[in-house]
């Protein structure tokens, strides 16, 4: 149809038809093919109606509509035998097309592929429902106006578009793993949606190492979700977590995905390097067994591969753990003038932790208080204020996340 919005309506019509007919006639042998066939028949009918309307309006657009109808009819029977995975892969690449803004890509992906309603997406990202609805409508309109084809790109374009797809999945997972705002520290349902999409991608494009790298990263990070929350929903940071609560099945799956990414060869991408960092934590039975020098080296590699102030800030944490708080603080201090980090709560939080380890508690208290003022997450704010108070009392225990 060349239009995501129209296609979605036709799909919904097919589902309604199934709800009406299947209780009477029974579920067909191939329900997916039945639904696809019904939707495509309705698409052909719609094209015919459009054609008749255009003829009445002096044949405007006649040739295009005839072509659409002929193509739809010609491919109809073959389409019934298509692998559903192929359609899903095409839809993923449409929803994550670079012509859309990041916010629009995330909203449309969750709507079409995550199975979330507009209300659920709005609640997940703490924005008004009309805002999300407008993003989705504009995204569909933009795709239609840009004539984005319903296909998987090839060659160099595949690499560029795949990067966009992975970025969207990564953004969704991160928002679930560490919520930007609101009352909850985690949003596990978003992590689950991102993991599901990542696993689907790994099956659909099995020769792309960065897909497996991202899946590995998400599997290993998700393994710690239960341990990251206390009995009352309070945050539990890495060094305080009960590693017995880490999900060993997810860790195993993550390490297997990482191994698969590495075996595919070529230079490691940013998701695979981050997965290797997560694997260092997963392999450590206790915080003391963590290979912090190895993690610092991996962050050095990541900084070369995907330089950013946030990567440097994470490097500062790793350096502080591997070579002492002074080494970490030296790097963190160079980031205080970075414009993109001026309102980033993690920067004063990291500096506060490093200063506390050096015994500079007054400075650490000020940094934790500043971090608390910058975060929009209620759980994180409470934690930071508690750490600031502990500095004032002189009994802070350094922590990492």
Protein backbone atom coordinates (compact mmCIF):
# COMPACT_ATOMS: atom_id res chain seq x y z
CA UNK A 1 0.00 0.00 0.00
CA UNK A 2 2.97 2.31 0.44
CA UNK A 3 1.42 3.71 3.62
CA UNK A 4 1.98 2.33 7.13
CA UNK A 5 -1.23 3.89 8.45
CA UNK A 6 -3.43 2.36 5.76
CA UNK A 7 -1.68 -1.00 6.13
CA UNK A 8 -2.31 -0.95 9.87
CA UNK A 9 -6.02 -0.27 9.31
CA UNK A 10 -6.28 -3.14 6.83
CA UNK A 11 -4.55 -5.46 9.28
CA UNK A 12 -7.02 -4.44 11.98
CA UNK A 13 -9.91 -5.09 9.60
CA UNK A 14 -8.57 -8.60 9.02
CA UNK A 15 -8.37 -9.22 12.77
CA UNK A 16 -11.96 -8.06 13.21
CA UNK A 17 -13.02 -10.42 10.42
CA UNK A 18 -11.25 -13.29 12.19
CA UNK A 19 -13.00 -12.49 15.48
CA UNK A 20 -16.34 -12.57 13.65
CA UNK A 21 -15.77 -15.66 11.52
CA UNK A 22 -13.46 -18.03 13.38
CA UNK A 23 -15.84 -18.74 16.30
CA UNK A 24 -18.29 -20.04 13.68
CA UNK A 25 -16.04 -21.62 11.06
CA UNK A 26 -13.15 -22.63 13.29
CA UNK A 27 -9.53 -21.53 13.25
CA UNK A 28 -7.99 -22.17 9.81
CA UNK A 29 -5.00 -24.47 9.34
CA UNK A 30 -2.78 -21.47 8.57
CA UNK A 31 -4.12 -18.54 10.60
CA UNK A 32 -1.32 -16.19 9.56
CA UNK A 33 -1.89 -16.84 5.87
CA UNK A 34 -5.66 -16.39 6.36
CA UNK A 35 -5.14 -13.01 8.02
CA UNK A 36 -2.64 -11.94 5.37
CA UNK A 37 -4.94 -13.07 2.59
CA UNK A 38 -7.94 -11.25 4.05
CA UNK A 39 -5.96 -8.05 4.54
CA UNK A 40 -4.54 -8.20 1.00
CA UNK A 41 -7.98 -8.84 -0.53
CA UNK A 42 -9.23 -5.75 1.30
CA UNK A 43 -6.19 -3.83 0.06
CA UNK A 44 -7.03 -4.78 -3.53
CA UNK A 45 -10.66 -3.74 -2.97
CA UNK A 46 -9.46 -0.40 -1.60
CA UNK A 47 -7.25 0.16 -4.63
CA UNK A 48 -10.18 -0.63 -6.92
CA UNK A 49 -12.41 1.82 -5.07
CA UNK A 50 -9.72 4.44 -5.34
CA UNK A 51 -9.40 3.71 -9.04
CA UNK A 52 -13.14 4.15 -9.61
CA UNK A 53 -13.09 7.40 -7.65
CA UNK A 54 -10.17 8.70 -9.63
CA UNK A 55 -11.91 7.83 -12.90
CA UNK A 56 -14.90 9.86 -11.80
CA UNK A 57 -12.50 12.71 -11.12
CA UNK A 58 -11.28 12.74 -14.72
CA UNK A 59 -8.80 9.86 -14.45
CA UNK A 60 -6.49 11.69 -11.99
CA UNK A 61 -3.77 9.32 -10.81
CA UNK A 62 -5.27 6.51 -12.94
CA UNK A 63 -2.01 4.97 -14.15
CA UNK A 64 -0.47 4.79 -10.69
CA UNK A 65 -3.52 3.12 -9.18
CA UNK A 66 -3.83 0.59 -12.01
CA UNK A 67 -0.19 -0.27 -11.52
CA UNK A 68 -0.72 -0.71 -7.79
CA UNK A 69 -3.71 -2.95 -8.37
CA UNK A 70 -1.97 -5.09 -10.98
CA UNK A 71 1.09 -5.49 -8.79
CA UNK A 72 -1.01 -6.43 -5.77
CA UNK A 73 -3.02 -9.01 -7.74
CA UNK A 74 0.07 -10.48 -9.43
CA UNK A 75 1.97 -10.94 -6.18
CA UNK A 76 -0.98 -12.01 -4.08
CA UNK A 77 -0.64 -15.79 -4.40
CA UNK A 78 3.13 -15.70 -4.01
CA UNK A 79 2.79 -13.46 -0.98
CA UNK A 80 0.70 -16.11 0.76
CA UNK A 81 3.77 -18.32 0.87
CA UNK A 82 6.15 -15.60 2.08
CA UNK A 83 7.94 -16.19 5.35
CA UNK A 84 6.34 -14.05 8.03
CA UNK A 85 9.85 -13.24 9.24
CA UNK A 86 10.59 -11.47 5.98
CA UNK A 87 7.61 -9.17 6.45
CA UNK A 88 8.60 -8.54 10.05
CA UNK A 89 12.16 -7.64 9.06
CA UNK A 90 10.88 -5.23 6.43
CA UNK A 91 8.56 -3.65 8.97
CA UNK A 92 11.42 -3.19 11.45
CA UNK A 93 13.44 -1.35 8.83
CA UNK A 94 10.45 0.83 7.93
CA UNK A 95 9.67 1.74 11.55
CA UNK A 96 13.31 2.62 12.25
CA UNK A 97 13.93 4.54 9.03
CA UNK A 98 16.43 7.43 9.44
CA UNK A 99 13.96 9.83 7.81
CA UNK A 100 12.18 9.81 11.20
CA UNK A 101 13.44 11.49 14.35
CA UNK A 102 14.70 9.25 17.16
CA UNK A 103 11.59 9.92 19.24
CA UNK A 104 9.35 9.06 16.30
CA UNK A 105 11.29 5.87 15.55
CA UNK A 106 11.00 4.69 19.15
CA UNK A 107 7.28 5.45 19.36
CA UNK A 108 6.45 3.83 16.02
CA UNK A 109 8.58 0.76 16.74
CA UNK A 110 6.89 0.19 20.10
CA UNK A 111 3.47 0.73 18.51
CA UNK A 112 3.93 -1.55 15.50
CA UNK A 113 6.37 -4.13 16.83
CA UNK A 114 6.32 -3.89 20.63
CA UNK A 115 2.59 -4.39 20.85
CA UNK A 116 2.17 -1.36 23.12
CA UNK A 117 -0.82 0.96 22.93
CA UNK A 118 -0.39 4.70 22.58
CA UNK A 119 -1.34 5.07 26.24
CA UNK A 120 1.28 2.54 27.32
CA UNK A 121 4.03 4.22 25.30
CA UNK A 122 3.11 7.61 26.76
CA UNK A 123 3.20 6.17 30.27
CA UNK A 124 6.54 4.47 29.65
CA UNK A 125 8.21 7.72 28.56
CA UNK A 126 6.23 10.02 30.87
CA UNK A 127 4.85 12.26 28.15
CA UNK A 128 1.20 13.12 27.45
CA UNK A 129 -0.70 10.58 25.39
CA UNK A 130 -1.62 13.17 22.69
CA UNK A 131 2.10 13.85 22.23
CA UNK A 132 2.82 10.19 21.50
CA UNK A 133 -0.25 9.95 19.27
CA UNK A 134 0.95 12.94 17.26
CA UNK A 135 4.44 11.46 16.94
CA UNK A 136 3.01 8.23 15.57
CA UNK A 137 0.68 10.00 13.14
CA UNK A 138 3.48 12.28 11.92
CA UNK A 139 5.82 9.29 11.57
CA UNK A 140 3.35 7.43 9.38
CA UNK A 141 2.73 10.56 7.30
CA UNK A 142 6.46 11.15 6.91
CA UNK A 143 7.04 7.58 5.74
CA UNK A 144 4.22 7.87 3.22
CA UNK A 145 5.37 11.25 1.90
CA UNK A 146 8.96 10.02 1.62
CA UNK A 147 7.75 6.93 -0.29
CA UNK A 148 9.77 4.68 2.00
CA UNK A 149 9.70 1.22 0.38
CA UNK A 150 8.56 -1.82 2.34
CA UNK A 151 11.82 -3.69 1.90
CA UNK A 152 15.09 -4.64 3.52
CA UNK A 153 17.84 -2.41 2.12
CA UNK A 154 20.92 -3.90 0.50
CA UNK A 155 24.66 -3.28 0.51
CA UNK A 156 25.93 -0.09 2.09
CA UNK A 157 22.39 1.12 2.76
CA UNK A 158 21.75 -1.99 4.87
CA UNK A 159 24.63 -1.11 7.21
CA UNK A 160 23.37 2.47 7.63
CA UNK A 161 19.77 1.41 8.22
CA UNK A 162 20.74 -1.47 10.50
CA UNK A 163 22.60 1.03 12.67
CA UNK A 164 19.36 3.01 13.02
CA UNK A 165 17.42 -0.14 13.94
CA UNK A 166 19.94 -1.18 16.59
CA UNK A 167 20.01 2.33 18.03
CA UNK A 168 16.24 2.30 18.54
CA UNK A 169 16.30 -1.10 20.25
CA UNK A 170 19.21 0.08 22.42
CA UNK A 171 17.33 3.27 23.42
CA UNK A 172 14.26 1.28 24.40
CA UNK A 173 16.30 -1.11 26.53
CA UNK A 174 18.23 1.68 28.25
CA UNK A 175 15.05 3.50 29.19
CA UNK A 176 13.80 0.30 30.80
CA UNK A 177 17.10 -0.45 32.53
CA UNK A 178 17.51 3.01 34.03
CA UNK A 179 14.40 5.15 33.76
CA UNK A 180 15.02 8.78 32.85
CA UNK A 181 12.21 10.11 35.00
CA UNK A 182 9.28 9.11 37.17
CA UNK A 183 8.85 7.11 40.35
CA UNK A 184 10.35 3.81 39.20
CA UNK A 185 14.05 3.00 39.01
CA UNK A 186 13.40 0.33 36.35
CA UNK A 187 10.81 -0.37 33.67
CA UNK A 188 11.33 -4.11 33.03
CA UNK A 189 8.59 -4.25 30.40
CA UNK A 190 10.64 -1.98 28.11
CA UNK A 191 13.69 -4.20 28.61
CA UNK A 192 11.55 -7.19 27.66
CA UNK A 193 10.28 -5.45 24.51
CA UNK A 194 13.81 -4.51 23.45
CA UNK A 195 15.11 -8.02 24.14
CA UNK A 196 12.31 -9.57 22.12
CA UNK A 197 13.07 -7.28 19.16
CA UNK A 198 16.79 -7.98 19.46
CA UNK A 199 16.28 -11.73 19.50
CA UNK A 200 14.03 -11.49 16.43
CA UNK A 201 16.69 -9.49 14.60
CA UNK A 202 19.36 -12.04 15.53
CA UNK A 203 17.27 -14.74 13.88
CA UNK A 204 16.45 -12.65 10.81
CA UNK A 205 19.96 -11.31 10.12
CA UNK A 206 22.20 -13.98 11.69
CA UNK A 207 25.40 -12.90 9.91
CA UNK A 208 25.51 -9.36 11.36
CA UNK A 209 27.87 -9.38 14.38
CA UNK A 210 26.58 -6.15 15.92
CA UNK A 211 23.07 -7.60 16.15
CA UNK A 212 24.44 -10.42 18.29
CA UNK A 213 26.59 -7.91 20.18
CA UNK A 214 23.52 -5.89 21.13
CA UNK A 215 21.58 -9.00 22.10
CA UNK A 216 24.52 -10.12 24.26
CA UNK A 217 24.64 -6.73 25.97
CA UNK A 218 20.90 -6.72 26.69
CA UNK A 219 20.80 -10.36 27.89
CA UNK A 220 23.64 -9.80 30.36
CA UNK A 221 22.33 -6.45 31.60
CA UNK A 222 18.82 -7.88 31.96
CA UNK A 223 20.24 -10.70 34.09
CA UNK A 224 20.78 -8.15 36.89
CA UNK A 225 17.30 -6.60 36.87
CA UNK A 226 15.96 -8.50 39.89
CA UNK A 227 19.06 -7.72 41.92
CA UNK A 228 18.90 -4.00 41.12
CA UNK A 229 15.78 -3.46 43.25
CA UNK A 230 15.39 -3.77 47.01
CA UNK A 231 12.25 -4.95 48.85
CA UNK A 232 10.60 -1.53 48.59
CA UNK A 233 11.68 -0.84 45.03
CA UNK A 234 14.75 1.12 46.09
CA UNK A 235 17.87 1.00 43.87
CA UNK A 236 20.56 -1.53 44.73
CA UNK A 237 23.85 -0.58 43.08
CA UNK A 238 26.31 -3.00 41.56
CA UNK A 239 28.71 -3.56 44.45
CA UNK A 240 25.82 -4.18 46.85
CA UNK A 241 23.86 -6.59 44.68
CA UNK A 242 23.23 -10.18 45.69
CA UNK A 243 24.87 -11.91 42.74
CA UNK A 244 22.94 -15.04 43.58
CA UNK A 245 19.90 -13.19 42.21
CA UNK A 246 21.52 -12.63 38.85
CA UNK A 247 19.70 -14.69 36.22
CA UNK A 248 22.21 -17.33 35.11
CA UNK A 249 20.13 -18.35 32.09
CA UNK A 250 20.25 -14.82 30.71
CA UNK A 251 23.98 -14.60 31.45
CA UNK A 252 24.54 -17.88 29.59
CA UNK A 253 22.51 -16.64 26.62
CA UNK A 254 24.38 -13.35 26.65
CA UNK A 255 27.80 -14.99 26.70
CA UNK A 256 26.76 -17.27 23.84
CA UNK A 257 25.57 -14.27 21.80
CA UNK A 258 28.85 -12.48 22.52
CA UNK A 259 30.81 -15.53 21.39
CA UNK A 260 28.73 -15.63 18.22
CA UNK A 261 29.40 -11.95 17.50
CA UNK A 262 33.14 -12.42 17.98
CA UNK A 263 33.25 -15.54 15.78
CA UNK A 264 31.66 -13.70 12.86
CA UNK A 265 34.91 -11.77 12.55
CA UNK A 266 35.76 -8.23 11.60
CA UNK A 267 36.33 -5.27 13.89
CA UNK A 268 34.19 -5.32 17.03
CA UNK A 269 31.40 -2.75 17.06
CA UNK A 270 30.31 -0.58 19.95
CA UNK A 271 27.57 -2.92 21.13
CA UNK A 272 29.88 -5.92 21.11
CA UNK A 273 32.52 -4.02 23.10
CA UNK A 274 29.89 -2.97 25.64
CA UNK A 275 28.74 -6.59 25.82
CA UNK A 276 32.33 -7.61 26.56
CA UNK A 277 32.35 -5.09 29.43
CA UNK A 278 29.09 -6.51 30.77
CA UNK A 279 30.57 -10.01 30.46
CA UNK A 280 33.46 -9.02 32.74
CA UNK A 281 30.93 -8.26 35.47
CA UNK A 282 28.91 -11.40 34.74
CA UNK A 283 31.95 -13.66 35.06
CA UNK A 284 32.95 -12.21 38.45
CA UNK A 285 31.57 -14.19 41.37
CA UNK A 286 32.21 -11.29 43.75
CA UNK A 287 32.91 -7.56 43.27
CA UNK A 288 36.54 -8.18 44.26
CA UNK A 289 36.97 -10.67 41.42
CA UNK A 290 35.96 -8.14 38.77
CA UNK A 291 38.62 -7.55 36.10
CA UNK A 292 38.61 -3.76 36.39
CA UNK A 293 41.85 -3.27 34.40
CA UNK A 294 40.27 -5.31 31.61
CA UNK A 295 37.12 -3.20 31.78
CA UNK A 296 39.20 -0.01 31.65
CA UNK A 297 40.98 -1.32 28.55
CA UNK A 298 37.65 -2.12 26.91
CA UNK A 299 36.42 1.41 27.65
CA UNK A 300 39.61 2.73 26.02
CA UNK A 301 38.70 0.71 22.94
CA UNK A 302 35.11 1.95 23.07
CA UNK A 303 36.30 5.55 23.31
CA UNK A 304 38.29 5.03 20.12
CA UNK A 305 35.41 3.30 18.39
CA UNK A 306 32.54 5.57 19.47
CA UNK A 307 33.99 8.65 21.21
CA UNK A 308 31.59 10.55 23.43
CA UNK A 309 31.66 12.36 26.80
CA UNK A 310 29.42 9.66 28.29
CA UNK A 311 31.89 6.95 27.29
CA UNK A 312 34.68 9.00 28.87
CA UNK A 313 32.67 9.31 32.06
CA UNK A 314 32.28 5.55 32.21
CA UNK A 315 35.99 5.25 31.55
CA UNK A 316 36.57 7.46 34.59
CA UNK A 317 34.59 5.03 36.76
CA UNK A 318 36.57 2.07 35.42
CA UNK A 319 39.88 3.86 35.91
CA UNK A 320 38.90 4.73 39.47
CA UNK A 321 38.15 1.09 40.24
CA UNK A 322 41.23 -0.26 38.44
CA UNK A 323 43.91 2.27 39.35
CA UNK A 324 42.55 4.27 42.26
CA UNK A 325 40.05 7.13 42.68
CA UNK A 326 42.61 9.82 41.84
CA UNK A 327 43.05 8.38 38.33
CA UNK A 328 39.31 8.33 37.79
CA UNK A 329 38.80 11.82 39.19
CA UNK A 330 41.49 13.25 36.92
CA UNK A 331 39.51 12.16 33.85
CA UNK A 332 36.12 13.09 35.35
CA UNK A 333 37.36 16.60 36.12
CA UNK A 334 38.17 17.17 32.43
CA UNK A 335 34.48 16.62 31.64
CA UNK A 336 33.05 19.33 33.91
CA UNK A 337 33.23 21.91 31.12
CA UNK A 338 31.64 19.61 28.54
CA UNK A 339 28.39 21.36 27.42
CA UNK A 340 26.49 18.11 26.79
CA UNK A 341 27.06 16.98 30.40
CA UNK A 342 26.07 20.18 32.18
CA UNK A 343 22.67 18.77 33.15
CA UNK A 344 23.70 15.12 33.26
CA UNK A 345 23.24 13.81 36.80
CA UNK A 346 25.71 10.97 36.35
CA UNK A 347 28.69 13.36 36.11
CA UNK A 348 28.40 14.91 39.62
CA UNK A 349 27.37 11.49 40.92
CA UNK A 350 30.60 9.92 39.64
CA UNK A 351 32.67 12.83 40.92
CA UNK A 352 30.96 12.55 44.30
CA UNK A 353 31.81 8.87 44.55
CA UNK A 354 35.47 9.43 43.61
CA UNK A 355 35.81 12.39 45.97
CA UNK A 356 34.30 10.34 48.80
CA UNK A 357 36.84 7.58 48.22
CA UNK A 358 39.58 10.19 48.51
CA UNK A 359 38.13 11.38 51.82
CA UNK A 360 37.03 14.76 50.44
CA UNK A 361 33.56 14.39 51.95
CA UNK A 362 32.49 18.06 51.87
CA UNK A 363 33.12 18.22 48.13
CA UNK A 364 31.47 14.83 47.66
CA UNK A 365 28.37 16.00 49.54
CA UNK A 366 28.04 19.00 47.23
CA UNK A 367 28.38 16.80 44.15
CA UNK A 368 25.75 14.33 45.30
CA UNK A 369 23.38 17.19 46.12
CA UNK A 370 23.93 18.66 42.66
CA UNK A 371 23.32 15.27 41.05
CA UNK A 372 20.06 14.93 43.01
CA UNK A 373 18.93 18.33 41.73
CA UNK A 374 19.55 17.28 38.12
CA UNK A 375 17.85 13.87 38.00
CA UNK A 376 14.17 13.52 37.11
CA UNK A 377 13.93 10.04 38.58
CA UNK A 378 12.49 10.00 42.08
CA UNK A 379 14.27 6.80 43.17
CA UNK A 380 17.63 8.06 41.98
CA UNK A 381 17.08 11.43 43.64
CA UNK A 382 16.35 9.76 46.98
CA UNK A 383 19.49 7.63 46.69
CA UNK A 384 21.68 10.63 45.88
CA UNK A 385 20.30 12.66 48.75
CA UNK A 386 20.97 9.75 51.09
CA UNK A 387 24.56 9.62 49.89
CA UNK A 388 24.91 13.37 50.37
CA UNK A 389 23.62 13.00 53.94
CA UNK A 390 26.04 10.12 54.54
CA UNK A 391 28.92 12.35 53.44
CA UNK A 392 27.82 14.97 55.93
CA UNK A 393 27.80 12.35 58.68
CA UNK A 394 31.15 10.98 57.53
CA UNK A 395 30.00 7.40 57.05
CA UNK A 396 29.53 7.07 53.30
CA UNK A 397 30.25 3.71 51.77
CA UNK A 398 31.39 4.18 48.13
CA UNK A 399 29.13 2.50 45.59
CA UNK A 400 29.05 1.81 41.87
CA UNK A 401 26.32 1.05 39.38
